[in-house]
């Protein structure tokens, strides 16, 4: 489940902006941030850290991951932690995540996530410039997530582009214009 210090309508709008999600969202809005505070992740500014707690069925915390709010969690690490406490996790995970699929090559390939604001900007920019591309969701494709982390020097940055073997990490419009539209920097 996801817990946020935002109120319920905000959580609903966020989930809808992602095209829906398949886990419950809980609001830690009132009293504001009480759960986040109990777990030690409520910031004095009133929002919580990006934190992941994996709690088993007996209520024992098995894993904690707290990192920069702008970083995405590494799904592969989380899935490996879940495998430790859920007996049939591998079977369930293999249904949800692609781990052996070959990655596309040639042309413009954008590695992204459905919820990333920069990915949305990149989609709009590609569409506006009539640039055909293949999209790979790294939240569902573990090979793609590994590749993006490799290109990002360990960081999972989205969007990341593979343009006929030339890699552009993040939505760098100037670089994309130069590569895809032949624009000259001036």
Protein backbone atom coordinates (compact mmCIF):
# COMPACT_ATOMS: atom_id res chain seq x y z
CA UNK A 1 0.00 0.00 0.00
CA UNK A 2 1.05 3.56 -0.49
CA UNK A 3 0.76 6.14 2.27
CA UNK A 4 0.89 9.87 1.64
CA UNK A 5 0.41 12.95 3.80
CA UNK A 6 -1.89 14.30 1.07
CA UNK A 7 -5.66 14.26 1.49
CA UNK A 8 -7.86 11.67 -0.23
CA UNK A 9 -8.95 13.77 -3.27
CA UNK A 10 -5.28 14.51 -4.02
CA UNK A 11 -4.39 10.80 -3.81
CA UNK A 12 -7.31 9.95 -6.08
CA UNK A 13 -6.19 12.54 -8.66
CA UNK A 14 -2.60 11.27 -8.48
CA UNK A 15 -3.69 7.64 -9.01
CA UNK A 16 -5.89 8.68 -11.95
CA UNK A 17 -2.99 10.63 -13.48
CA UNK A 18 -1.04 7.36 -13.54
CA UNK A 19 -3.84 5.60 -15.35
CA UNK A 20 -4.82 3.78 -12.16
CA UNK A 21 -2.76 1.71 -9.75
CA UNK A 22 -3.14 -1.81 -8.42
CA UNK A 23 -2.48 -1.24 -4.72
CA UNK A 24 -4.35 0.67 -2.01
CA UNK A 25 -3.45 4.26 -1.13
CA UNK A 26 -3.89 5.55 2.39
CA UNK A 27 -4.08 9.18 3.43
CA UNK A 28 -1.96 10.26 6.41
CA UNK A 29 -3.56 13.68 6.27
CA UNK A 30 -5.31 13.94 9.63
CA UNK A 31 -3.87 14.20 12.10
CA UNK A 32 -1.34 15.42 9.56
CA UNK A 33 1.54 13.00 9.08
CA UNK A 34 0.92 10.97 12.24
CA UNK A 35 1.96 7.65 10.64
CA UNK A 36 4.91 9.23 8.81
CA UNK A 37 6.03 10.79 12.07
CA UNK A 38 5.78 7.44 13.90
CA UNK A 39 8.06 5.90 11.25
CA UNK A 40 10.49 8.82 11.51
CA UNK A 41 10.05 10.06 7.94
CA UNK A 42 7.92 13.22 8.37
CA UNK A 43 9.94 16.30 7.43
CA UNK A 44 9.52 19.55 9.34
CA UNK A 45 8.14 21.08 6.11
CA UNK A 46 5.07 18.82 6.50
CA UNK A 47 5.75 16.19 3.84
CA UNK A 48 7.36 12.80 4.17
CA UNK A 49 10.60 11.45 2.84
CA UNK A 50 10.41 8.99 -0.04
CA UNK A 51 10.43 5.92 2.13
CA UNK A 52 9.65 2.28 1.60
CA UNK A 53 8.96 -0.09 4.45
CA UNK A 54 8.35 -3.76 3.71
CA UNK A 55 6.36 -5.21 6.56
CA UNK A 56 5.60 -8.92 6.76
CA UNK A 57 2.24 -10.44 7.72
CA UNK A 58 3.30 -10.55 11.39
CA UNK A 59 3.93 -6.80 11.42
CA UNK A 60 7.74 -7.09 11.45
CA UNK A 61 9.59 -4.50 9.38
CA UNK A 62 11.80 -6.51 7.01
CA UNK A 63 13.22 -3.74 4.84
CA UNK A 64 13.58 0.04 4.96
CA UNK A 65 14.61 2.27 2.05
CA UNK A 66 14.72 6.03 2.56
CA UNK A 67 16.23 8.14 -0.18
CA UNK A 68 16.07 11.47 -1.99
CA UNK A 69 12.52 12.49 -2.92
CA UNK A 70 13.58 12.89 -6.57
CA UNK A 71 14.99 9.36 -6.86
CA UNK A 72 12.96 6.41 -7.98
CA UNK A 73 13.15 3.22 -5.95
CA UNK A 74 14.97 0.30 -7.53
CA UNK A 75 12.19 -2.18 -8.29
CA UNK A 76 14.63 -5.06 -8.60
CA UNK A 77 15.90 -4.53 -5.05
CA UNK A 78 12.33 -4.30 -3.74
CA UNK A 79 11.27 -7.43 -5.59
CA UNK A 80 14.24 -9.36 -4.19
CA UNK A 81 13.24 -8.25 -0.67
CA UNK A 82 9.64 -9.36 -1.27
CA UNK A 83 10.88 -12.76 -2.48
CA UNK A 84 12.48 -13.27 0.95
CA UNK A 85 9.17 -13.05 2.80
CA UNK A 86 6.55 -14.21 0.27
CA UNK A 87 6.88 -17.91 -0.62
CA UNK A 88 5.29 -17.68 -4.09
CA UNK A 89 6.62 -14.20 -4.89
CA UNK A 90 8.72 -15.33 -7.86
CA UNK A 91 5.66 -16.78 -9.59
CA UNK A 92 3.59 -13.65 -8.94
CA UNK A 93 6.43 -11.33 -9.94
CA UNK A 94 7.10 -13.12 -13.21
CA UNK A 95 3.48 -12.51 -14.20
CA UNK A 96 3.79 -8.75 -13.54
CA UNK A 97 7.36 -8.02 -14.62
CA UNK A 98 9.27 -8.83 -17.76
CA UNK A 99 12.75 -10.06 -16.83
CA UNK A 100 13.92 -11.90 -19.91
CA UNK A 101 12.54 -9.77 -22.72
CA UNK A 102 15.05 -8.47 -25.24
CA UNK A 103 15.22 -4.69 -25.35
CA UNK A 104 14.35 -2.87 -28.57
CA UNK A 105 17.09 -1.28 -30.64
CA UNK A 106 17.23 1.04 -33.61
CA UNK A 107 15.38 4.29 -34.06
CA UNK A 108 14.27 6.20 -30.99
CA UNK A 109 13.64 4.17 -27.84
CA UNK A 110 12.43 6.03 -24.77
CA UNK A 111 12.82 4.27 -21.42
CA UNK A 112 10.36 5.77 -18.97
CA UNK A 113 7.64 5.30 -16.37
CA UNK A 114 3.96 6.22 -16.66
CA UNK A 115 4.09 8.70 -13.76
CA UNK A 116 7.34 10.58 -14.48
CA UNK A 117 6.64 14.29 -15.25
CA UNK A 118 9.72 14.51 -17.52
CA UNK A 119 8.52 11.43 -19.40
CA UNK A 120 5.20 13.17 -20.05
CA UNK A 121 7.03 16.25 -21.34
CA UNK A 122 9.21 14.05 -23.56
CA UNK A 123 6.16 12.24 -25.00
CA UNK A 124 4.54 15.58 -25.81
CA UNK A 125 7.78 16.91 -27.36
CA UNK A 126 8.24 13.80 -29.53
CA UNK A 127 4.61 13.96 -30.66
CA UNK A 128 4.82 17.71 -31.41
CA UNK A 129 7.91 17.08 -33.54
CA UNK A 130 6.35 14.05 -35.31
CA UNK A 131 9.12 11.73 -34.11
CA UNK A 132 8.23 8.05 -34.04
CA UNK A 133 9.52 6.20 -30.99
CA UNK A 134 9.25 2.99 -29.04
CA UNK A 135 8.38 3.33 -25.37
CA UNK A 136 9.64 0.90 -22.72
CA UNK A 137 8.14 1.09 -19.21
CA UNK A 138 11.03 0.40 -16.83
CA UNK A 139 8.64 -0.12 -13.93
CA UNK A 140 7.46 -3.35 -15.63
CA UNK A 141 10.65 -4.45 -17.39
CA UNK A 142 13.53 -5.34 -15.06
CA UNK A 143 16.05 -5.63 -17.92
CA UNK A 144 15.13 -2.12 -19.02
CA UNK A 145 15.50 -0.79 -15.46
CA UNK A 146 18.96 -2.40 -15.22
CA UNK A 147 19.97 -0.87 -18.54
CA UNK A 148 18.77 2.59 -17.52
CA UNK A 149 20.74 2.36 -14.25
CA UNK A 150 23.85 1.35 -16.24
CA UNK A 151 23.47 4.31 -18.61
CA UNK A 152 22.75 6.61 -15.64
CA UNK A 153 25.90 5.59 -13.77
CA UNK A 154 23.87 3.79 -11.12
CA UNK A 155 20.97 6.27 -11.03
CA UNK A 156 17.62 5.31 -12.48
CA UNK A 157 16.85 8.43 -14.52
CA UNK A 158 13.76 8.72 -16.69
CA UNK A 159 13.32 9.35 -19.45
CA UNK A 160 16.45 7.88 -20.95
CA UNK A 161 16.73 7.67 -24.73
CA UNK A 162 18.58 5.23 -26.96
CA UNK A 163 18.71 6.89 -30.37
CA UNK A 164 20.38 4.43 -32.72
CA UNK A 165 22.91 3.65 -29.99
CA UNK A 166 23.40 7.24 -28.84
CA UNK A 167 22.25 7.57 -25.21
CA UNK A 168 20.60 10.67 -23.78
CA UNK A 169 19.95 10.52 -20.04
CA UNK A 170 17.00 12.65 -18.91
CA UNK A 171 14.83 14.95 -21.01
CA UNK A 172 17.57 17.16 -22.44
CA UNK A 173 15.69 19.05 -25.13
CA UNK A 174 18.82 20.69 -26.59
CA UNK A 175 20.55 17.33 -27.07
CA UNK A 176 17.42 15.77 -28.51
CA UNK A 177 16.97 18.67 -30.95
CA UNK A 178 20.57 18.33 -32.08
CA UNK A 179 20.37 14.55 -32.55
CA UNK A 180 16.84 14.20 -33.89
CA UNK A 181 16.20 17.50 -35.67
CA UNK A 182 19.74 18.44 -36.65
CA UNK A 183 19.45 21.71 -34.73
CA UNK A 184 22.69 23.62 -34.32
CA UNK A 185 23.37 25.17 -30.92
CA UNK A 186 23.86 28.89 -31.23
